[in-house]
Amino acid sequence: MLKSIMFAVATLVLSSFAVIQTAQASPIITQEFLFDDGSSFGFLSIDTADIDADGNVSQWHAFELFGYEIGEVFDFSASFDIDNLFAGLTFLNFDANDVSDFFAFQGSWFADFDLGFFTIYTADGDYLIDDYMVMGAPVVSGVTVPEPGTLFLMLSVMGGLLLRRRA
């Protein structure tokens, strides 16, 4: 009898952790920037929580070109097919500088043509290079993070079943 009461109290206390400590992560969609020959020169990661009801997104989770992290942004817009987010970007436009402020990058990509272009300038505005680009297949990661309290709840239920089996 005492074991049953202790189990009930332990279950109640541990299940309260599941209510208090919720942790849910939205999926992150990452796509690589590729040259025509398939070699990669950067990537863009978007948190699906930042995509609005129309499929538009105005911020990124991570953005890197030629080994430089993108920092200051003058223009950034991207869109997804809201019916199939995991198909990847449908449109991308950016005008930004890297964090170290050495380079400025501009570019656009259109899924309808599966082709885009980019231009690189110095931070002072001097033209360096431009080229065509394509986007790699989207990679989806970070779908869910289990709640810490869930583990305690499952352990307490299993403990209760073991106690019941002994009795």
N, C-alpha and C. Protein backbone atom coordinates (compact mmCIF):
# COMPACT_ATOMS: atom_id res chain seq x y z
N MET A 1 0.82 -1.19 0.00
CA MET A 1 0.00 0.00 0.00
C MET A 1 0.87 1.27 0.00
N LEU A 2 1.91 1.25 0.84
CA LEU A 2 2.81 2.39 0.92
C LEU A 2 3.52 2.60 -0.42
N LYS A 3 3.87 1.50 -1.09
CA LYS A 3 4.52 1.61 -2.40
C LYS A 3 3.59 2.28 -3.40
N SER A 4 2.33 1.94 -3.38
CA SER A 4 1.36 2.53 -4.31
C SER A 4 1.22 4.02 -4.06
N ILE A 5 1.18 4.44 -2.80
CA ILE A 5 1.06 5.87 -2.48
C ILE A 5 2.32 6.61 -2.92
N MET A 6 3.49 6.04 -2.65
CA MET A 6 4.75 6.67 -3.05
C MET A 6 4.84 6.76 -4.58
N PHE A 7 4.39 5.74 -5.27
CA PHE A 7 4.39 5.76 -6.74
C PHE A 7 3.47 6.86 -7.25
N ALA A 8 2.28 7.00 -6.68
CA ALA A 8 1.34 8.03 -7.11
C ALA A 8 1.92 9.43 -6.89
N VAL A 9 2.55 9.65 -5.75
CA VAL A 9 3.15 10.95 -5.46
C VAL A 9 4.32 11.22 -6.42
N ALA A 10 5.17 10.22 -6.62
CA ALA A 10 6.31 10.38 -7.53
C ALA A 10 5.84 10.67 -8.95
N THR A 11 4.81 9.99 -9.40
CA THR A 11 4.27 10.21 -10.75
C THR A 11 3.73 11.62 -10.88
N LEU A 12 3.00 12.09 -9.88
CA LEU A 12 2.44 13.44 -9.90
C LEU A 12 3.55 14.49 -9.94
N VAL A 13 4.56 14.33 -9.11
CA VAL A 13 5.67 15.30 -9.07
C VAL A 13 6.44 15.28 -10.37
N LEU A 14 6.80 14.12 -10.86
CA LEU A 14 7.60 14.03 -12.09
C LEU A 14 6.81 14.47 -13.32
N SER A 15 5.53 14.23 -13.36
CA SER A 15 4.73 14.66 -14.52
C SER A 15 4.59 16.18 -14.55
N SER A 16 4.72 16.84 -13.40
CA SER A 16 4.65 18.30 -13.39
C SER A 16 5.86 18.90 -14.12
N PHE A 17 6.99 18.19 -14.11
CA PHE A 17 8.15 18.67 -14.86
C PHE A 17 7.85 18.72 -16.35
N ALA A 18 7.07 17.79 -16.85
CA ALA A 18 6.74 17.76 -18.28
C ALA A 18 5.93 18.98 -18.67
N VAL A 19 5.10 19.49 -17.77
CA VAL A 19 4.30 20.67 -18.06
C VAL A 19 5.16 21.92 -18.01
N ILE A 20 6.08 21.99 -17.05
CA ILE A 20 6.88 23.18 -16.85
C ILE A 20 7.99 23.30 -17.90
N GLN A 21 8.64 22.20 -18.25
CA GLN A 21 9.82 22.24 -19.09
C GLN A 21 9.52 21.79 -20.51
N THR A 22 8.75 22.55 -21.23
CA THR A 22 8.49 22.18 -22.61
C THR A 22 9.63 22.67 -23.49
N ALA A 23 9.97 21.89 -24.48
CA ALA A 23 11.02 22.25 -25.44
C ALA A 23 10.62 21.71 -26.80
N GLN A 24 10.37 22.59 -27.74
CA GLN A 24 9.97 22.19 -29.08
C GLN A 24 10.78 23.00 -30.07
N ALA A 25 11.42 22.35 -30.98
CA ALA A 25 12.20 23.04 -32.01
C ALA A 25 11.53 22.85 -33.35
N SER A 26 11.53 23.90 -34.15
CA SER A 26 10.96 23.77 -35.48
C SER A 26 12.06 23.29 -36.43
N PRO A 27 11.68 22.65 -37.51
CA PRO A 27 12.69 22.16 -38.46
C PRO A 27 13.50 23.30 -39.08
N ILE A 28 14.75 23.01 -39.35
CA ILE A 28 15.65 23.94 -40.04
C ILE A 28 15.88 23.37 -41.44
N ILE A 29 15.64 24.20 -42.44
CA ILE A 29 15.85 23.79 -43.84
C ILE A 29 17.14 24.45 -44.32
N THR A 30 18.08 23.64 -44.79
CA THR A 30 19.37 24.14 -45.28
C THR A 30 19.54 23.77 -46.74
N GLN A 31 19.96 24.75 -47.53
CA GLN A 31 20.27 24.50 -48.94
C GLN A 31 21.63 25.09 -49.26
N GLU A 32 22.38 24.36 -50.08
CA GLU A 32 23.71 24.81 -50.49
C GLU A 32 23.62 25.66 -51.75
N PHE A 33 24.54 26.61 -51.87
CA PHE A 33 24.75 27.36 -53.10
C PHE A 33 25.79 26.59 -53.91
N LEU A 34 25.47 26.31 -55.16
CA LEU A 34 26.35 25.50 -56.01
C LEU A 34 26.69 26.23 -57.30
N PHE A 35 27.92 26.00 -57.78
CA PHE A 35 28.28 26.42 -59.13
C PHE A 35 27.64 25.43 -60.10
N ASP A 36 27.69 25.74 -61.39
CA ASP A 36 27.13 24.84 -62.42
C ASP A 36 27.75 23.45 -62.37
N ASP A 37 29.02 23.35 -61.97
CA ASP A 37 29.69 22.04 -61.92
C ASP A 37 29.33 21.24 -60.66
N GLY A 38 28.50 21.81 -59.77
CA GLY A 38 28.06 21.10 -58.57
C GLY A 38 28.89 21.37 -57.34
N SER A 39 29.97 22.14 -57.47
CA SER A 39 30.78 22.44 -56.28
C SER A 39 30.10 23.52 -55.44
N SER A 40 30.21 23.35 -54.14
CA SER A 40 29.52 24.22 -53.19
C SER A 40 30.35 25.45 -52.85
N PHE A 41 29.69 26.60 -52.68
CA PHE A 41 30.40 27.79 -52.23
C PHE A 41 29.68 28.48 -51.07
N GLY A 42 28.69 27.83 -50.50
CA GLY A 42 28.01 28.40 -49.35
C GLY A 42 26.71 27.68 -49.04
N PHE A 43 26.01 28.18 -48.03
CA PHE A 43 24.72 27.59 -47.66
C PHE A 43 23.84 28.63 -46.99
N LEU A 44 22.57 28.32 -46.97
CA LEU A 44 21.56 29.16 -46.32
C LEU A 44 20.66 28.23 -45.51
N SER A 45 20.46 28.55 -44.24
CA SER A 45 19.56 27.78 -43.38
C SER A 45 18.42 28.68 -42.91
N ILE A 46 17.20 28.16 -43.03
CA ILE A 46 16.00 28.89 -42.63
C ILE A 46 15.28 28.08 -41.56
N ASP A 47 14.88 28.74 -40.49
CA ASP A 47 14.06 28.12 -39.46
C ASP A 47 12.61 28.19 -39.96
N THR A 48 11.94 27.06 -40.03
CA THR A 48 10.58 27.05 -40.56
C THR A 48 9.62 27.87 -39.71
N ALA A 49 9.97 28.16 -38.47
CA ALA A 49 9.12 29.02 -37.63
C ALA A 49 9.12 30.46 -38.15
N ASP A 50 10.12 30.82 -38.96
CA ASP A 50 10.21 32.17 -39.50
C ASP A 50 9.49 32.33 -40.84
N ILE A 51 8.85 31.28 -41.33
CA ILE A 51 8.13 31.34 -42.60
C ILE A 51 6.69 31.74 -42.31
N ASP A 52 6.20 32.79 -42.98
CA ASP A 52 4.83 33.23 -42.73
C ASP A 52 3.82 32.39 -43.49
N ALA A 53 2.55 32.70 -43.33
CA ALA A 53 1.46 31.90 -43.92
C ALA A 53 1.48 31.92 -45.45
N ASP A 54 2.15 32.91 -46.05
CA ASP A 54 2.23 32.99 -47.51
C ASP A 54 3.49 32.33 -48.05
N GLY A 55 4.36 31.81 -47.17
CA GLY A 55 5.59 31.16 -47.59
C GLY A 55 6.78 32.08 -47.66
N ASN A 56 6.63 33.33 -47.22
CA ASN A 56 7.72 34.30 -47.28
C ASN A 56 8.53 34.27 -45.99
N VAL A 57 9.81 34.55 -46.13
CA VAL A 57 10.70 34.61 -44.97
C VAL A 57 11.64 35.79 -45.17
N SER A 58 11.90 36.54 -44.08
CA SER A 58 12.75 37.73 -44.21
C SER A 58 13.98 37.65 -43.32
N GLN A 59 14.25 36.49 -42.72
CA GLN A 59 15.47 36.32 -41.93
C GLN A 59 15.97 34.89 -42.07
N TRP A 60 17.21 34.68 -41.73
CA TRP A 60 17.80 33.36 -41.86
C TRP A 60 18.29 32.87 -40.51
N HIS A 61 18.53 31.58 -40.45
CA HIS A 61 19.09 30.94 -39.27
C HIS A 61 20.62 30.97 -39.37
N ALA A 62 21.15 30.65 -40.53
CA ALA A 62 22.59 30.71 -40.81
C ALA A 62 22.77 30.97 -42.30
N PHE A 63 23.77 31.78 -42.63
CA PHE A 63 23.99 32.17 -44.02
C PHE A 63 25.49 32.37 -44.19
N GLU A 64 26.09 31.62 -45.14
CA GLU A 64 27.53 31.69 -45.36
C GLU A 64 27.82 31.59 -46.86
N LEU A 65 28.72 32.44 -47.34
CA LEU A 65 29.18 32.41 -48.73
C LEU A 65 30.70 32.47 -48.77
N PHE A 66 31.30 31.55 -49.49
CA PHE A 66 32.75 31.49 -49.66
C PHE A 66 33.48 31.50 -48.32
N GLY A 67 32.92 30.85 -47.33
CA GLY A 67 33.55 30.76 -46.01
C GLY A 67 33.34 31.99 -45.13
N TYR A 68 32.59 32.96 -45.60
CA TYR A 68 32.32 34.17 -44.83
C TYR A 68 30.88 34.16 -44.33
N GLU A 69 30.72 34.38 -43.03
CA GLU A 69 29.38 34.46 -42.44
C GLU A 69 28.76 35.79 -42.83
N ILE A 70 27.51 35.73 -43.27
CA ILE A 70 26.81 36.94 -43.68
C ILE A 70 26.30 37.66 -42.44
N GLY A 71 26.50 38.97 -42.41
CA GLY A 71 26.10 39.76 -41.25
C GLY A 71 25.13 40.86 -41.62
N GLU A 72 25.66 42.03 -41.96
CA GLU A 72 24.82 43.19 -42.27
C GLU A 72 24.04 42.93 -43.55
N VAL A 73 22.74 43.15 -43.49
CA VAL A 73 21.88 42.88 -44.63
C VAL A 73 21.19 44.16 -45.08
N PHE A 74 21.18 44.38 -46.37
CA PHE A 74 20.49 45.53 -46.94
C PHE A 74 19.16 45.10 -47.55
N ASP A 75 19.14 43.87 -48.07
CA ASP A 75 17.92 43.33 -48.65
C ASP A 75 18.00 41.81 -48.57
N PHE A 76 16.97 41.19 -48.05
CA PHE A 76 16.90 39.73 -48.01
C PHE A 76 15.44 39.33 -48.09
N SER A 77 15.14 38.47 -49.04
CA SER A 77 13.79 37.91 -49.12
C SER A 77 13.90 36.52 -49.74
N ALA A 78 13.09 35.64 -49.23
CA ALA A 78 13.05 34.27 -49.72
C ALA A 78 11.62 33.78 -49.61
N SER A 79 11.30 32.76 -50.40
CA SER A 79 9.95 32.20 -50.31
C SER A 79 9.99 30.70 -50.54
N PHE A 80 8.99 30.05 -49.97
CA PHE A 80 8.80 28.61 -50.04
C PHE A 80 7.41 28.33 -50.54
N ASP A 81 7.21 27.15 -51.11
CA ASP A 81 5.87 26.68 -51.43
C ASP A 81 5.25 26.24 -50.12
N ILE A 82 4.24 26.95 -49.65
CA ILE A 82 3.66 26.69 -48.34
C ILE A 82 3.05 25.29 -48.24
N ASP A 83 2.69 24.69 -49.37
CA ASP A 83 2.13 23.34 -49.37
C ASP A 83 3.21 22.26 -49.26
N ASN A 84 4.47 22.62 -49.53
CA ASN A 84 5.57 21.66 -49.44
C ASN A 84 6.86 22.39 -49.05
N LEU A 85 6.96 22.78 -47.77
CA LEU A 85 8.13 23.51 -47.31
C LEU A 85 9.42 22.74 -47.54
N PHE A 86 9.34 21.42 -47.48
CA PHE A 86 10.53 20.61 -47.56
C PHE A 86 11.03 20.41 -48.99
N ALA A 87 10.37 21.05 -49.95
CA ALA A 87 10.85 21.04 -51.33
C ALA A 87 11.95 22.09 -51.51
N GLY A 88 12.08 22.99 -50.54
CA GLY A 88 13.12 24.01 -50.60
C GLY A 88 12.62 25.35 -51.09
N LEU A 89 13.56 26.23 -51.31
CA LEU A 89 13.26 27.59 -51.73
C LEU A 89 12.60 27.63 -53.11
N THR A 90 11.72 28.59 -53.29
CA THR A 90 11.17 28.87 -54.61
C THR A 90 11.73 30.17 -55.17
N PHE A 91 12.22 31.03 -54.26
CA PHE A 91 12.78 32.32 -54.65
C PHE A 91 13.75 32.78 -53.58
N LEU A 92 14.82 33.46 -53.99
CA LEU A 92 15.78 34.03 -53.06
C LEU A 92 16.37 35.30 -53.66
N ASN A 93 16.47 36.33 -52.85
CA ASN A 93 17.12 37.57 -53.24
C ASN A 93 17.90 38.09 -52.03
N PHE A 94 19.15 38.48 -52.22
CA PHE A 94 19.93 39.00 -51.10
C PHE A 94 20.91 40.07 -51.54
N ASP A 95 21.18 40.98 -50.64
CA ASP A 95 22.18 42.03 -50.78
C ASP A 95 22.73 42.25 -49.38
N ALA A 96 23.94 41.74 -49.12
CA ALA A 96 24.46 41.76 -47.75
C ALA A 96 25.97 41.79 -47.73
N ASN A 97 26.53 42.16 -46.59
CA ASN A 97 27.96 42.13 -46.35
C ASN A 97 28.29 40.99 -45.41
N ASP A 98 29.53 40.53 -45.47
CA ASP A 98 29.94 39.51 -44.51
C ASP A 98 30.20 40.17 -43.15
N VAL A 99 30.31 39.35 -42.11
CA VAL A 99 30.48 39.85 -40.75
C VAL A 99 31.74 40.69 -40.60
N SER A 100 32.82 40.29 -41.27
CA SER A 100 34.09 41.01 -41.17
C SER A 100 34.12 42.27 -42.03
N ASP A 101 33.09 42.48 -42.84
CA ASP A 101 32.94 43.65 -43.70
C ASP A 101 34.04 43.75 -44.76
N PHE A 102 34.50 42.58 -45.26
CA PHE A 102 35.47 42.56 -46.36
C PHE A 102 34.77 42.57 -47.72
N PHE A 103 33.65 41.82 -47.79
CA PHE A 103 32.97 41.63 -49.07
C PHE A 103 31.49 41.98 -48.97
N ALA A 104 30.95 42.33 -50.13
CA ALA A 104 29.51 42.54 -50.26
C ALA A 104 29.01 41.54 -51.30
N PHE A 105 27.89 40.90 -51.01
CA PHE A 105 27.33 39.87 -51.89
C PHE A 105 25.93 40.28 -52.31
N GLN A 106 25.65 40.10 -53.60
CA GLN A 106 24.30 40.29 -54.12
C GLN A 106 23.95 39.06 -54.94
N GLY A 107 22.70 38.67 -54.90
CA GLY A 107 22.31 37.52 -55.71
C GLY A 107 20.82 37.29 -55.72
N SER A 108 20.39 36.51 -56.69
CA SER A 108 18.99 36.10 -56.83
C SER A 108 18.95 34.69 -57.37
N TRP A 109 17.91 33.97 -57.00
CA TRP A 109 17.71 32.61 -57.50
C TRP A 109 16.22 32.38 -57.67
N PHE A 110 15.85 31.72 -58.76
CA PHE A 110 14.45 31.46 -59.08
C PHE A 110 14.26 29.97 -59.36
N ALA A 111 13.39 29.33 -58.59
CA ALA A 111 13.15 27.89 -58.75
C ALA A 111 12.55 27.56 -60.11
N ASP A 112 11.73 28.46 -60.67
CA ASP A 112 11.10 28.19 -61.96
C ASP A 112 12.14 27.94 -63.05
N PHE A 113 13.29 28.59 -62.94
CA PHE A 113 14.36 28.43 -63.92
C PHE A 113 15.49 27.55 -63.40
N ASP A 114 15.45 27.20 -62.09
CA ASP A 114 16.51 26.47 -61.41
C ASP A 114 17.88 27.10 -61.72
N LEU A 115 17.89 28.41 -61.68
CA LEU A 115 19.10 29.14 -61.99
C LEU A 115 19.08 30.49 -61.28
N GLY A 116 20.24 30.94 -60.91
CA GLY A 116 20.38 32.25 -60.29
C GLY A 116 21.74 32.82 -60.61
N PHE A 117 22.03 33.96 -60.01
CA PHE A 117 23.32 34.59 -60.22
C PHE A 117 23.74 35.29 -58.94
N PHE A 118 25.02 35.56 -58.83
CA PHE A 118 25.53 36.32 -57.71
C PHE A 118 26.65 37.22 -58.18
N THR A 119 26.88 38.29 -57.43
CA THR A 119 27.96 39.23 -57.70
C THR A 119 28.66 39.50 -56.38
N ILE A 120 29.98 39.59 -56.43
CA ILE A 120 30.76 39.90 -55.24
C ILE A 120 31.48 41.23 -55.47
N TYR A 121 31.39 42.08 -54.47
CA TYR A 121 32.07 43.38 -54.47
C TYR A 121 32.95 43.47 -53.22
N THR A 122 33.89 44.38 -53.23
CA THR A 122 34.59 44.70 -51.99
C THR A 122 33.61 45.49 -51.12
N ALA A 123 33.94 45.66 -49.87
CA ALA A 123 33.08 46.44 -48.98
C ALA A 123 33.02 47.90 -49.44
N ASP A 124 34.01 48.34 -50.21
CA ASP A 124 34.01 49.70 -50.73
C ASP A 124 33.21 49.84 -52.02
N GLY A 125 32.70 48.72 -52.54
CA GLY A 125 31.86 48.77 -53.73
C GLY A 125 32.57 48.46 -55.03
N ASP A 126 33.82 48.03 -54.99
CA ASP A 126 34.54 47.68 -56.21
C ASP A 126 34.13 46.28 -56.66
N TYR A 127 33.78 46.14 -57.94
CA TYR A 127 33.36 44.85 -58.52
C TYR A 127 34.52 43.85 -58.50
N LEU A 128 34.20 42.61 -58.08
CA LEU A 128 35.21 41.54 -58.09
C LEU A 128 34.86 40.44 -59.08
N ILE A 129 33.67 39.85 -58.98
CA ILE A 129 33.31 38.71 -59.82
C ILE A 129 31.80 38.51 -59.81
N ASP A 130 31.31 37.88 -60.86
CA ASP A 130 29.92 37.42 -60.85
C ASP A 130 29.87 36.07 -61.55
N ASP A 131 28.82 35.29 -61.26
CA ASP A 131 28.70 33.96 -61.83
C ASP A 131 27.28 33.47 -61.64
N TYR A 132 26.97 32.38 -62.31
CA TYR A 132 25.67 31.73 -62.14
C TYR A 132 25.72 30.78 -60.95
N MET A 133 24.55 30.51 -60.39
CA MET A 133 24.48 29.56 -59.28
C MET A 133 23.19 28.76 -59.35
N VAL A 134 23.21 27.62 -58.72
CA VAL A 134 22.01 26.80 -58.54
C VAL A 134 21.94 26.46 -57.05
N MET A 135 20.79 25.99 -56.62
CA MET A 135 20.62 25.61 -55.21
C MET A 135 20.61 24.10 -55.10
N GLY A 136 21.28 23.59 -54.08
CA GLY A 136 21.28 22.15 -53.83
C GLY A 136 19.95 21.70 -53.25
N ALA A 137 19.81 20.41 -53.11
CA ALA A 137 18.60 19.84 -52.52
C ALA A 137 18.48 20.26 -51.06
N PRO A 138 17.27 20.53 -50.59
CA PRO A 138 17.11 20.93 -49.19
C PRO A 138 17.37 19.78 -48.23
N VAL A 139 17.98 20.13 -47.10
CA VAL A 139 18.23 19.17 -46.03
C VAL A 139 17.46 19.67 -44.81
N VAL A 140 16.63 18.81 -44.25
CA VAL A 140 15.80 19.19 -43.10
C VAL A 140 16.39 18.56 -41.85
N SER A 141 16.59 19.38 -40.82
CA SER A 141 17.15 18.87 -39.57
C SER A 141 16.46 19.51 -38.38
N GLY A 142 16.67 18.92 -37.20
CA GLY A 142 16.13 19.50 -35.97
C GLY A 142 14.63 19.47 -35.90
N VAL A 143 14.02 18.35 -36.27
CA VAL A 143 12.57 18.29 -36.34
C VAL A 143 11.93 18.43 -34.96
N THR A 144 12.37 17.68 -33.96
CA THR A 144 11.81 17.83 -32.62
C THR A 144 12.87 17.61 -31.56
N VAL A 145 12.65 18.19 -30.43
CA VAL A 145 13.49 18.00 -29.26
C VAL A 145 12.59 17.46 -28.17
N PRO A 146 12.88 16.28 -27.62
CA PRO A 146 11.99 15.73 -26.60
C PRO A 146 12.01 16.57 -25.33
N GLU A 147 10.88 16.59 -24.64
CA GLU A 147 10.78 17.32 -23.40
C GLU A 147 11.54 16.57 -22.31
N PRO A 148 12.29 17.27 -21.46
CA PRO A 148 13.02 16.60 -20.38
C PRO A 148 12.09 15.86 -19.42
N GLY A 149 10.94 16.43 -19.13
CA GLY A 149 10.00 15.80 -18.22
C GLY A 149 9.40 14.52 -18.75
N THR A 150 9.38 14.35 -20.06
CA THR A 150 8.83 13.15 -20.67
C THR A 150 9.60 11.91 -20.24
N LEU A 151 10.91 12.03 -20.17
CA LEU A 151 11.74 10.91 -19.74
C LEU A 151 11.40 10.51 -18.30
N PHE A 152 11.25 11.50 -17.42
CA PHE A 152 10.89 11.19 -16.02
C PHE A 152 9.53 10.52 -15.95
N LEU A 153 8.57 10.99 -16.74
CA LEU A 153 7.24 10.41 -16.73
C LEU A 153 7.28 8.96 -17.21
N MET A 154 8.01 8.71 -18.29
CA MET A 154 8.11 7.34 -18.80
C MET A 154 8.78 6.43 -17.79
N LEU A 155 9.84 6.92 -17.14
CA LEU A 155 10.53 6.11 -16.13
C LEU A 155 9.63 5.80 -14.94
N SER A 156 8.83 6.78 -14.52
CA SER A 156 7.94 6.53 -13.38
C SER A 156 6.85 5.53 -13.74
N VAL A 157 6.32 5.59 -14.96
CA VAL A 157 5.31 4.62 -15.38
C VAL A 157 5.92 3.22 -15.45
N MET A 158 7.12 3.13 -16.00
CA MET A 158 7.77 1.81 -16.07
C MET A 158 8.06 1.28 -14.67
N GLY A 159 8.48 2.16 -13.75
CA GLY A 159 8.72 1.75 -12.39
C GLY A 159 7.44 1.25 -11.72
N GLY A 160 6.34 1.94 -11.99
CA GLY A 160 5.05 1.53 -11.44
C GLY A 160 4.63 0.18 -11.97
N LEU A 161 4.85 -0.05 -13.24
CA LEU A 161 4.48 -1.36 -13.81
C LEU A 161 5.34 -2.46 -13.19
N LEU A 162 6.61 -2.19 -12.95
CA LEU A 162 7.47 -3.18 -12.32
C LEU A 162 7.03 -3.44 -10.88
N LEU A 163 6.66 -2.38 -10.16
CA LEU A 163 6.18 -2.55 -8.79
C LEU A 163 4.89 -3.36 -8.77
N ARG A 164 4.02 -3.09 -9.71
CA ARG A 164 2.74 -3.79 -9.77
C ARG A 164 2.96 -5.27 -10.08
N ARG A 165 3.94 -5.52 -10.95
CA ARG A 165 4.22 -6.91 -11.32
C ARG A 165 4.74 -7.71 -10.13
N ARG A 166 5.53 -7.07 -9.25
CA ARG A 166 6.06 -7.73 -8.06
C ARG A 166 4.95 -8.09 -7.07
N ALA A 167 3.95 -7.25 -7.00
CA ALA A 167 2.90 -7.46 -5.98
C ALA A 167 1.96 -8.57 -6.29
